[in-house]
């Protein structure tokens, strides 16, 4: 994907170039979890391309983002995209742009990306099982004191420390 993103013109296709790099990075980061189909907030996608919402004409920002996603789809850098639970009727109301910024878009990676990361997960070595965490000094002291059937005061007297100090340990 990074090589294909280099083909985009940095002046005329800035959004496409930056979106391709951003999505490539996101999929690489999420590959180990095996969950490549994650929703992306519109605000996050706009931040990734370095753009902000045109508050006077928000429909232009929306059209530009959708055009960029369509270009990535046409060039097979993504397999599909769609809004996740987006009510198109809200665009007729005032202030719809702020609701749109919080909307999410599902972007599906192409089969080549899926296949590549499936191969990587097959070859990954499993992490060794973690050893149980050792007990702290205070926990070991309490455990041993209870095994011997002694009170905190009795142990403090035998050690020559105050019971409050021993309790804090």
N, C-alpha and C. Protein backbone atom coordinates (compact mmCIF):
# COMPACT_ATOMS: atom_id res chain seq x y z
N UNK A 1 0.81 -1.19 0.00
CA UNK A 1 0.00 0.00 0.00
C UNK A 1 0.85 1.25 0.00
N UNK A 2 1.95 1.22 0.73
CA UNK A 2 2.80 2.40 0.78
C UNK A 2 3.38 2.70 -0.60
N UNK A 3 3.73 1.67 -1.34
CA UNK A 3 4.26 1.88 -2.69
C UNK A 3 3.19 2.44 -3.61
N UNK A 4 1.97 1.97 -3.46
CA UNK A 4 0.88 2.49 -4.28
C UNK A 4 0.54 3.93 -3.89
N UNK A 5 0.68 4.25 -2.63
CA UNK A 5 0.40 5.62 -2.17
C UNK A 5 1.41 6.61 -2.75
N UNK A 6 2.61 6.14 -3.05
CA UNK A 6 3.62 7.02 -3.63
C UNK A 6 3.24 7.48 -5.04
N UNK A 7 2.38 6.76 -5.70
CA UNK A 7 1.97 7.13 -7.06
C UNK A 7 1.05 8.34 -7.11
N UNK A 8 0.43 8.64 -5.98
CA UNK A 8 -0.48 9.78 -5.97
C UNK A 8 0.30 11.09 -6.03
N UNK A 9 -0.26 12.04 -6.75
CA UNK A 9 0.33 13.36 -6.89
C UNK A 9 0.21 14.10 -5.55
N UNK A 10 1.34 14.53 -4.97
CA UNK A 10 1.26 15.17 -3.65
C UNK A 10 0.53 16.51 -3.66
N UNK A 11 0.36 17.13 -4.81
CA UNK A 11 -0.35 18.40 -4.86
C UNK A 11 -1.83 18.23 -5.14
N UNK A 12 -2.16 17.36 -6.07
CA UNK A 12 -3.56 17.20 -6.47
C UNK A 12 -4.29 16.08 -5.73
N UNK A 13 -3.55 15.14 -5.21
CA UNK A 13 -4.16 14.00 -4.53
C UNK A 13 -3.61 13.83 -3.12
N UNK A 14 -3.51 14.93 -2.43
CA UNK A 14 -2.96 14.91 -1.07
C UNK A 14 -3.81 14.04 -0.14
N UNK A 15 -5.12 14.19 -0.22
CA UNK A 15 -6.00 13.43 0.67
C UNK A 15 -5.85 11.93 0.42
N UNK A 16 -5.81 11.53 -0.83
CA UNK A 16 -5.68 10.11 -1.16
C UNK A 16 -4.36 9.56 -0.65
N UNK A 17 -3.28 10.31 -0.88
CA UNK A 17 -1.96 9.88 -0.46
C UNK A 17 -1.89 9.71 1.05
N UNK A 18 -2.38 10.71 1.78
CA UNK A 18 -2.32 10.66 3.24
C UNK A 18 -3.26 9.61 3.82
N UNK A 19 -4.44 9.46 3.22
CA UNK A 19 -5.35 8.42 3.70
C UNK A 19 -4.77 7.03 3.49
N UNK A 20 -4.15 6.81 2.35
CA UNK A 20 -3.56 5.50 2.07
C UNK A 20 -2.46 5.19 3.08
N UNK A 21 -1.63 6.17 3.38
CA UNK A 21 -0.56 5.95 4.36
C UNK A 21 -1.13 5.74 5.76
N UNK A 22 -2.14 6.52 6.12
CA UNK A 22 -2.76 6.39 7.44
C UNK A 22 -3.41 5.02 7.61
N UNK A 23 -4.18 4.59 6.62
CA UNK A 23 -4.86 3.30 6.72
C UNK A 23 -3.85 2.15 6.74
N UNK A 24 -2.81 2.27 5.94
CA UNK A 24 -1.76 1.25 5.93
C UNK A 24 -1.15 1.11 7.32
N UNK A 25 -0.86 2.24 7.94
CA UNK A 25 -0.29 2.23 9.28
C UNK A 25 -1.27 1.63 10.29
N UNK A 26 -2.52 2.02 10.23
CA UNK A 26 -3.52 1.51 11.16
C UNK A 26 -3.69 0.00 11.03
N UNK A 27 -3.74 -0.48 9.82
CA UNK A 27 -3.90 -1.93 9.62
C UNK A 27 -2.67 -2.69 10.10
N UNK A 28 -1.50 -2.12 9.91
CA UNK A 28 -0.28 -2.78 10.38
C UNK A 28 -0.29 -2.85 11.90
N UNK A 29 -0.74 -1.78 12.56
CA UNK A 29 -0.79 -1.77 14.03
C UNK A 29 -1.82 -2.74 14.58
N UNK A 30 -2.93 -2.90 13.88
CA UNK A 30 -4.03 -3.74 14.37
C UNK A 30 -3.95 -5.18 13.87
N UNK A 31 -2.94 -5.49 13.09
CA UNK A 31 -2.84 -6.82 12.50
C UNK A 31 -2.65 -7.91 13.55
N UNK A 32 -1.90 -7.60 14.60
CA UNK A 32 -1.63 -8.62 15.61
C UNK A 32 -2.89 -9.01 16.37
N UNK A 33 -3.82 -8.08 16.49
CA UNK A 33 -5.09 -8.40 17.15
C UNK A 33 -6.01 -9.18 16.22
N UNK A 34 -5.74 -9.13 14.91
CA UNK A 34 -6.54 -9.85 13.94
C UNK A 34 -7.84 -9.16 13.60
N UNK A 35 -7.98 -7.90 14.00
CA UNK A 35 -9.22 -7.17 13.76
C UNK A 35 -8.93 -5.99 12.84
N UNK A 36 -8.96 -6.27 11.53
CA UNK A 36 -8.63 -5.23 10.56
C UNK A 36 -9.83 -4.37 10.18
N UNK A 37 -11.03 -4.83 10.47
CA UNK A 37 -12.22 -4.06 10.10
C UNK A 37 -12.65 -3.22 11.31
N UNK A 38 -12.00 -2.09 11.49
CA UNK A 38 -12.28 -1.18 12.59
C UNK A 38 -12.98 0.06 12.06
N UNK A 39 -13.91 0.60 12.82
CA UNK A 39 -14.52 1.87 12.39
C UNK A 39 -13.56 3.03 12.64
N UNK A 40 -13.55 3.97 11.72
CA UNK A 40 -12.73 5.18 11.85
C UNK A 40 -13.67 6.37 11.98
N UNK A 41 -13.41 7.24 12.95
CA UNK A 41 -14.20 8.45 13.08
C UNK A 41 -13.87 9.39 11.93
N UNK A 42 -14.86 10.10 11.46
CA UNK A 42 -14.65 11.07 10.39
C UNK A 42 -13.63 12.11 10.84
N UNK A 43 -13.73 12.56 12.08
CA UNK A 43 -12.79 13.55 12.59
C UNK A 43 -11.35 13.02 12.55
N UNK A 44 -11.16 11.72 12.84
CA UNK A 44 -9.82 11.12 12.79
C UNK A 44 -9.30 11.07 11.37
N UNK A 45 -10.16 10.74 10.43
CA UNK A 45 -9.74 10.69 9.03
C UNK A 45 -9.37 12.09 8.53
N UNK A 46 -10.13 13.09 8.93
CA UNK A 46 -9.80 14.46 8.53
C UNK A 46 -8.48 14.90 9.15
N UNK A 47 -8.25 14.52 10.40
CA UNK A 47 -6.97 14.85 11.04
C UNK A 47 -5.82 14.13 10.33
N UNK A 48 -6.05 12.91 9.86
CA UNK A 48 -5.00 12.16 9.17
C UNK A 48 -4.60 12.82 7.86
N UNK A 49 -5.55 13.45 7.20
CA UNK A 49 -5.21 14.12 5.94
C UNK A 49 -4.78 15.56 6.17
N UNK A 50 -4.83 16.02 7.42
CA UNK A 50 -4.41 17.37 7.74
C UNK A 50 -5.42 18.42 7.34
N UNK A 51 -6.68 18.06 7.36
CA UNK A 51 -7.74 19.00 6.97
C UNK A 51 -8.67 19.23 8.14
N UNK A 52 -9.37 20.32 8.07
CA UNK A 52 -10.39 20.60 9.07
C UNK A 52 -11.71 20.84 8.35
N UNK A 53 -12.76 20.85 9.12
CA UNK A 53 -14.09 21.03 8.56
C UNK A 53 -14.27 22.46 8.07
N UNK A 54 -14.76 22.59 6.87
CA UNK A 54 -15.13 23.91 6.34
C UNK A 54 -16.45 24.27 7.00
N UNK A 55 -16.40 25.15 8.00
CA UNK A 55 -17.60 25.43 8.78
C UNK A 55 -18.67 26.18 7.98
N UNK A 56 -18.26 26.91 6.96
CA UNK A 56 -19.24 27.63 6.15
C UNK A 56 -19.90 26.72 5.12
N UNK A 57 -19.11 25.79 4.58
CA UNK A 57 -19.64 24.86 3.57
C UNK A 57 -19.16 23.44 3.91
N UNK A 58 -19.74 22.83 4.93
CA UNK A 58 -19.28 21.51 5.35
C UNK A 58 -19.50 20.43 4.30
N UNK A 59 -20.46 20.63 3.42
CA UNK A 59 -20.72 19.63 2.38
C UNK A 59 -19.52 19.49 1.45
N UNK A 60 -18.71 20.54 1.30
CA UNK A 60 -17.51 20.44 0.47
C UNK A 60 -16.47 19.52 1.11
N UNK A 61 -16.32 19.63 2.43
CA UNK A 61 -15.38 18.74 3.13
C UNK A 61 -15.84 17.30 3.03
N UNK A 62 -17.14 17.10 3.20
CA UNK A 62 -17.68 15.74 3.11
C UNK A 62 -17.48 15.17 1.70
N UNK A 63 -17.75 15.97 0.69
CA UNK A 63 -17.60 15.51 -0.69
C UNK A 63 -16.13 15.18 -0.99
N UNK A 64 -15.23 15.99 -0.47
CA UNK A 64 -13.81 15.76 -0.71
C UNK A 64 -13.35 14.44 -0.06
N UNK A 65 -13.79 14.19 1.17
CA UNK A 65 -13.43 12.94 1.85
C UNK A 65 -14.01 11.74 1.12
N UNK A 66 -15.28 11.82 0.73
CA UNK A 66 -15.90 10.70 0.03
C UNK A 66 -15.25 10.46 -1.33
N UNK A 67 -14.85 11.53 -2.00
CA UNK A 67 -14.16 11.39 -3.29
C UNK A 67 -12.81 10.69 -3.09
N UNK A 68 -12.10 11.06 -2.04
CA UNK A 68 -10.81 10.42 -1.74
C UNK A 68 -11.00 8.93 -1.45
N UNK A 69 -12.02 8.60 -0.67
CA UNK A 69 -12.29 7.19 -0.38
C UNK A 69 -12.69 6.43 -1.64
N UNK A 70 -13.47 7.06 -2.50
CA UNK A 70 -13.85 6.42 -3.76
C UNK A 70 -12.62 6.19 -4.65
N UNK A 71 -11.69 7.12 -4.64
CA UNK A 71 -10.46 6.95 -5.42
C UNK A 71 -9.65 5.77 -4.89
N UNK A 72 -9.53 5.67 -3.57
CA UNK A 72 -8.82 4.53 -2.98
C UNK A 72 -9.52 3.22 -3.32
N UNK A 73 -10.84 3.25 -3.35
CA UNK A 73 -11.60 2.06 -3.71
C UNK A 73 -11.37 1.69 -5.17
N UNK A 74 -11.41 2.69 -6.04
CA UNK A 74 -11.20 2.45 -7.47
C UNK A 74 -9.79 1.90 -7.74
N UNK A 75 -8.80 2.41 -6.99
CA UNK A 75 -7.41 1.96 -7.17
C UNK A 75 -7.09 0.71 -6.37
N UNK A 76 -8.09 0.14 -5.73
CA UNK A 76 -7.98 -1.12 -4.98
C UNK A 76 -7.03 -1.02 -3.79
N UNK A 77 -6.94 0.15 -3.19
CA UNK A 77 -6.19 0.29 -1.96
C UNK A 77 -7.06 -0.03 -0.76
N UNK A 78 -8.38 0.02 -0.96
CA UNK A 78 -9.34 -0.45 0.04
C UNK A 78 -10.35 -1.33 -0.70
N UNK A 79 -10.95 -2.25 0.03
CA UNK A 79 -11.91 -3.16 -0.60
C UNK A 79 -13.32 -2.58 -0.60
N UNK A 80 -13.65 -1.81 0.44
CA UNK A 80 -14.98 -1.21 0.54
C UNK A 80 -14.96 -0.18 1.65
N UNK A 81 -15.93 0.74 1.59
CA UNK A 81 -16.12 1.68 2.68
C UNK A 81 -17.59 2.03 2.76
N UNK A 82 -18.05 2.31 3.97
CA UNK A 82 -19.44 2.72 4.17
C UNK A 82 -19.57 3.38 5.54
N UNK A 83 -20.57 4.23 5.67
CA UNK A 83 -20.84 4.85 6.96
C UNK A 83 -21.44 3.79 7.88
N UNK A 84 -21.09 3.89 9.13
CA UNK A 84 -21.60 2.98 10.14
C UNK A 84 -22.69 3.69 10.93
N UNK A 85 -23.93 3.26 10.77
CA UNK A 85 -25.09 3.83 11.47
C UNK A 85 -25.21 5.34 11.24
N UNK A 86 -25.15 5.76 10.03
CA UNK A 86 -25.26 7.18 9.68
C UNK A 86 -26.65 7.45 9.13
N UNK A 87 -27.31 8.45 9.68
CA UNK A 87 -28.64 8.83 9.24
C UNK A 87 -28.49 9.98 8.26
N UNK A 88 -28.69 9.70 7.00
CA UNK A 88 -28.53 10.71 5.94
C UNK A 88 -29.54 11.84 6.07
N UNK A 89 -30.64 11.57 6.71
CA UNK A 89 -31.67 12.60 6.87
C UNK A 89 -31.21 13.74 7.77
N UNK A 90 -30.22 13.51 8.60
CA UNK A 90 -29.77 14.58 9.50
C UNK A 90 -29.02 15.67 8.75
N UNK A 91 -28.62 15.43 7.51
CA UNK A 91 -27.91 16.46 6.75
C UNK A 91 -28.82 17.59 6.32
N UNK A 92 -30.12 17.41 6.45
CA UNK A 92 -31.05 18.48 6.10
C UNK A 92 -31.24 19.47 7.25
N UNK A 93 -30.78 19.09 8.44
CA UNK A 93 -30.92 19.96 9.61
C UNK A 93 -29.69 20.83 9.80
N UNK A 94 -29.86 21.92 10.53
CA UNK A 94 -28.74 22.79 10.85
C UNK A 94 -27.81 22.09 11.82
N UNK A 95 -26.52 22.36 11.68
CA UNK A 95 -25.54 21.79 12.60
C UNK A 95 -25.22 20.33 12.36
N UNK A 96 -25.55 19.82 11.19
CA UNK A 96 -25.31 18.40 10.91
C UNK A 96 -23.82 18.08 10.84
N UNK A 97 -23.00 19.08 10.55
CA UNK A 97 -21.57 18.83 10.36
C UNK A 97 -20.91 18.31 11.63
N UNK A 98 -21.30 18.80 12.78
CA UNK A 98 -20.71 18.33 14.03
C UNK A 98 -21.12 16.89 14.33
N UNK A 99 -22.32 16.53 13.93
CA UNK A 99 -22.76 15.14 14.07
C UNK A 99 -21.97 14.25 13.10
N UNK A 100 -21.73 14.79 11.91
CA UNK A 100 -20.98 14.03 10.90
C UNK A 100 -19.55 13.78 11.35
N UNK A 101 -18.93 14.74 12.03
CA UNK A 101 -17.57 14.56 12.52
C UNK A 101 -17.46 13.40 13.50
N UNK A 102 -18.53 13.13 14.23
CA UNK A 102 -18.52 12.03 15.20
C UNK A 102 -18.97 10.70 14.59
N UNK A 103 -19.42 10.74 13.35
CA UNK A 103 -19.85 9.51 12.67
C UNK A 103 -18.63 8.63 12.40
N UNK A 104 -18.89 7.35 12.20
CA UNK A 104 -17.80 6.42 11.91
C UNK A 104 -17.97 5.83 10.52
N UNK A 105 -16.83 5.51 9.94
CA UNK A 105 -16.81 4.91 8.61
C UNK A 105 -16.08 3.58 8.72
N UNK A 106 -16.70 2.54 8.20
CA UNK A 106 -16.04 1.22 8.14
C UNK A 106 -15.26 1.15 6.84
N UNK A 107 -13.98 0.88 6.94
CA UNK A 107 -13.12 0.78 5.77
C UNK A 107 -12.50 -0.61 5.78
N UNK A 108 -12.79 -1.36 4.75
CA UNK A 108 -12.32 -2.75 4.67
C UNK A 108 -11.01 -2.80 3.90
N UNK A 109 -9.99 -3.45 4.44
CA UNK A 109 -8.72 -3.55 3.73
C UNK A 109 -8.83 -4.47 2.52
N UNK A 110 -7.97 -4.30 1.54
CA UNK A 110 -8.02 -5.18 0.38
C UNK A 110 -7.56 -6.60 0.76
N UNK A 111 -7.88 -7.54 -0.10
CA UNK A 111 -7.51 -8.93 0.17
C UNK A 111 -6.01 -9.12 0.31
N UNK A 112 -5.23 -8.35 -0.43
CA UNK A 112 -3.77 -8.50 -0.34
C UNK A 112 -3.27 -8.17 1.06
N UNK A 113 -3.84 -7.16 1.69
CA UNK A 113 -3.44 -6.79 3.05
C UNK A 113 -3.87 -7.88 4.02
N UNK A 114 -5.10 -8.32 3.88
CA UNK A 114 -5.60 -9.40 4.76
C UNK A 114 -4.74 -10.65 4.65
N UNK A 115 -4.44 -11.04 3.43
CA UNK A 115 -3.63 -12.24 3.19
C UNK A 115 -2.24 -12.07 3.78
N UNK A 116 -1.65 -10.90 3.60
CA UNK A 116 -0.30 -10.65 4.10
C UNK A 116 -0.25 -10.76 5.62
N UNK A 117 -1.20 -10.17 6.31
CA UNK A 117 -1.18 -10.20 7.76
C UNK A 117 -1.60 -11.55 8.33
N UNK A 118 -2.40 -12.31 7.58
CA UNK A 118 -2.73 -13.66 8.03
C UNK A 118 -1.49 -14.54 7.99
N UNK A 119 -0.65 -14.35 6.97
CA UNK A 119 0.60 -15.11 6.90
C UNK A 119 1.52 -14.75 8.05
N UNK A 120 1.57 -13.47 8.41
CA UNK A 120 2.44 -13.06 9.51
C UNK A 120 1.98 -13.65 10.83
N UNK A 121 0.69 -13.69 11.08
CA UNK A 121 0.22 -14.22 12.35
C UNK A 121 0.46 -15.72 12.45
N UNK A 122 0.49 -16.41 11.32
CA UNK A 122 0.79 -17.85 11.36
C UNK A 122 2.23 -18.11 11.78
N UNK A 123 3.14 -17.20 11.40
CA UNK A 123 4.56 -17.40 11.67
C UNK A 123 5.03 -16.79 12.98
N UNK A 124 4.16 -16.07 13.64
CA UNK A 124 4.54 -15.48 14.91
C UNK A 124 4.73 -16.56 15.96
N UNK A 125 5.71 -16.36 16.79
CA UNK A 125 5.91 -17.30 17.89
C UNK A 125 5.08 -16.85 19.07
N UNK A 126 4.61 -17.80 19.78
CA UNK A 126 3.80 -17.47 20.94
C UNK A 126 4.71 -16.98 22.06
N UNK A 127 4.23 -16.01 22.78
CA UNK A 127 4.98 -15.49 23.92
C UNK A 127 4.98 -16.54 25.03
N UNK A 128 6.08 -16.67 25.73
CA UNK A 128 6.09 -17.64 26.82
C UNK A 128 5.11 -17.22 27.90
N UNK A 129 4.57 -18.21 28.57
CA UNK A 129 3.62 -17.92 29.63
C UNK A 129 4.33 -17.16 30.74
N UNK A 130 3.67 -16.17 31.26
CA UNK A 130 4.25 -15.35 32.31
C UNK A 130 4.28 -16.12 33.62
N UNK A 131 5.35 -15.94 34.35
CA UNK A 131 5.45 -16.55 35.67
C UNK A 131 4.54 -15.79 36.62
N UNK A 132 4.03 -16.47 37.62
CA UNK A 132 3.21 -15.74 38.58
C UNK A 132 4.04 -14.66 39.27
N UNK A 133 3.43 -13.54 39.51
CA UNK A 133 4.16 -12.45 40.13
C UNK A 133 4.51 -12.82 41.56
N UNK A 134 5.75 -12.56 41.94
CA UNK A 134 6.14 -12.91 43.31
C UNK A 134 5.42 -12.01 44.31
N UNK A 135 5.19 -12.56 45.48
CA UNK A 135 4.52 -11.79 46.51
C UNK A 135 5.44 -10.69 47.01
N UNK A 136 4.86 -9.59 47.38
CA UNK A 136 5.65 -8.50 47.94
C UNK A 136 6.15 -8.91 49.32
N UNK A 137 7.08 -8.13 49.84
CA UNK A 137 7.62 -8.43 51.16
C UNK A 137 6.52 -8.41 52.21
N UNK A 138 5.68 -7.39 52.13
CA UNK A 138 4.58 -7.29 53.10
C UNK A 138 3.64 -8.47 53.03
N UNK A 139 3.34 -8.93 51.82
CA UNK A 139 2.43 -10.08 51.66
C UNK A 139 3.07 -11.35 52.19
N UNK A 140 4.39 -11.50 51.96
CA UNK A 140 5.08 -12.70 52.46
C UNK A 140 5.13 -12.68 53.99
N UNK A 141 5.37 -11.48 54.58
CA UNK A 141 5.40 -11.39 56.04
C UNK A 141 4.04 -11.74 56.63
N UNK A 142 2.97 -11.21 56.06
CA UNK A 142 1.62 -11.48 56.55
C UNK A 142 1.31 -12.97 56.45
N UNK A 143 1.67 -13.56 55.30
CA UNK A 143 1.40 -14.99 55.09
C UNK A 143 2.12 -15.84 56.14
N UNK A 144 3.39 -15.53 56.37
CA UNK A 144 4.17 -16.32 57.34
C UNK A 144 3.66 -16.10 58.76
N UNK A 145 3.29 -14.85 59.10
CA UNK A 145 2.76 -14.53 60.42
C UNK A 145 1.49 -15.31 60.67
N UNK A 146 0.62 -15.37 59.68
CA UNK A 146 -0.63 -16.11 59.84
C UNK A 146 -0.39 -17.61 59.93
N UNK A 147 0.62 -18.12 59.21
CA UNK A 147 0.94 -19.55 59.31
C UNK A 147 1.40 -19.90 60.73
N UNK A 148 2.15 -18.97 61.34
CA UNK A 148 2.64 -19.22 62.70
C UNK A 148 1.60 -18.91 63.77
N UNK A 149 0.49 -18.30 63.37
CA UNK A 149 -0.58 -18.00 64.31
C UNK A 149 -0.25 -16.83 65.23
N UNK A 150 0.57 -15.91 64.76
CA UNK A 150 0.96 -14.77 65.58
C UNK A 150 0.18 -13.52 65.18
N UNK A 151 -0.01 -12.64 66.14
CA UNK A 151 -0.67 -11.37 65.83
C UNK A 151 0.39 -10.39 65.34
N UNK A 152 -0.08 -9.29 64.79
CA UNK A 152 0.82 -8.26 64.29
C UNK A 152 1.64 -7.66 65.44
N UNK A 153 1.02 -7.48 66.58
CA UNK A 153 1.70 -6.91 67.74
C UNK A 153 2.80 -7.84 68.25
N UNK A 154 2.51 -9.14 68.28
CA UNK A 154 3.51 -10.10 68.75
C UNK A 154 4.74 -10.10 67.85
N UNK A 155 4.53 -10.07 66.54
CA UNK A 155 5.65 -10.08 65.60
C UNK A 155 6.44 -8.78 65.71
N UNK A 156 5.74 -7.66 65.88
CA UNK A 156 6.41 -6.36 66.01
C UNK A 156 7.29 -6.34 67.26
N UNK A 157 6.82 -6.92 68.37
CA UNK A 157 7.62 -6.98 69.60
C UNK A 157 8.85 -7.83 69.40
N UNK A 158 8.70 -8.98 68.71
CA UNK A 158 9.85 -9.86 68.49
C UNK A 158 10.89 -9.22 67.57
N UNK A 159 10.43 -8.41 66.61
CA UNK A 159 11.35 -7.74 65.69
C UNK A 159 11.91 -6.44 66.25
N UNK A 160 11.27 -5.92 67.27
CA UNK A 160 11.72 -4.68 67.88
C UNK A 160 11.31 -3.45 67.09
N UNK A 161 10.16 -3.54 66.43
CA UNK A 161 9.63 -2.39 65.68
C UNK A 161 8.22 -2.12 66.18
N UNK A 162 7.69 -0.95 65.80
CA UNK A 162 6.33 -0.64 66.24
C UNK A 162 5.33 -1.39 65.35
N UNK A 163 4.16 -1.70 65.90
CA UNK A 163 3.14 -2.40 65.11
C UNK A 163 2.69 -1.59 63.89
N UNK A 164 2.66 -0.24 64.03
CA UNK A 164 2.25 0.57 62.89
C UNK A 164 3.26 0.50 61.74
N UNK A 165 4.55 0.44 62.09
CA UNK A 165 5.59 0.31 61.05
C UNK A 165 5.45 -1.03 60.32
N UNK A 166 5.26 -2.08 61.11
CA UNK A 166 5.12 -3.40 60.52
C UNK A 166 3.87 -3.46 59.63
N UNK A 167 2.81 -2.81 60.06
CA UNK A 167 1.57 -2.78 59.27
C UNK A 167 1.82 -2.08 57.94
N UNK A 168 2.56 -0.96 57.96
CA UNK A 168 2.84 -0.23 56.72
C UNK A 168 3.70 -1.06 55.77
N UNK A 169 4.57 -1.89 56.30
CA UNK A 169 5.40 -2.77 55.46
C UNK A 169 4.48 -3.79 54.81
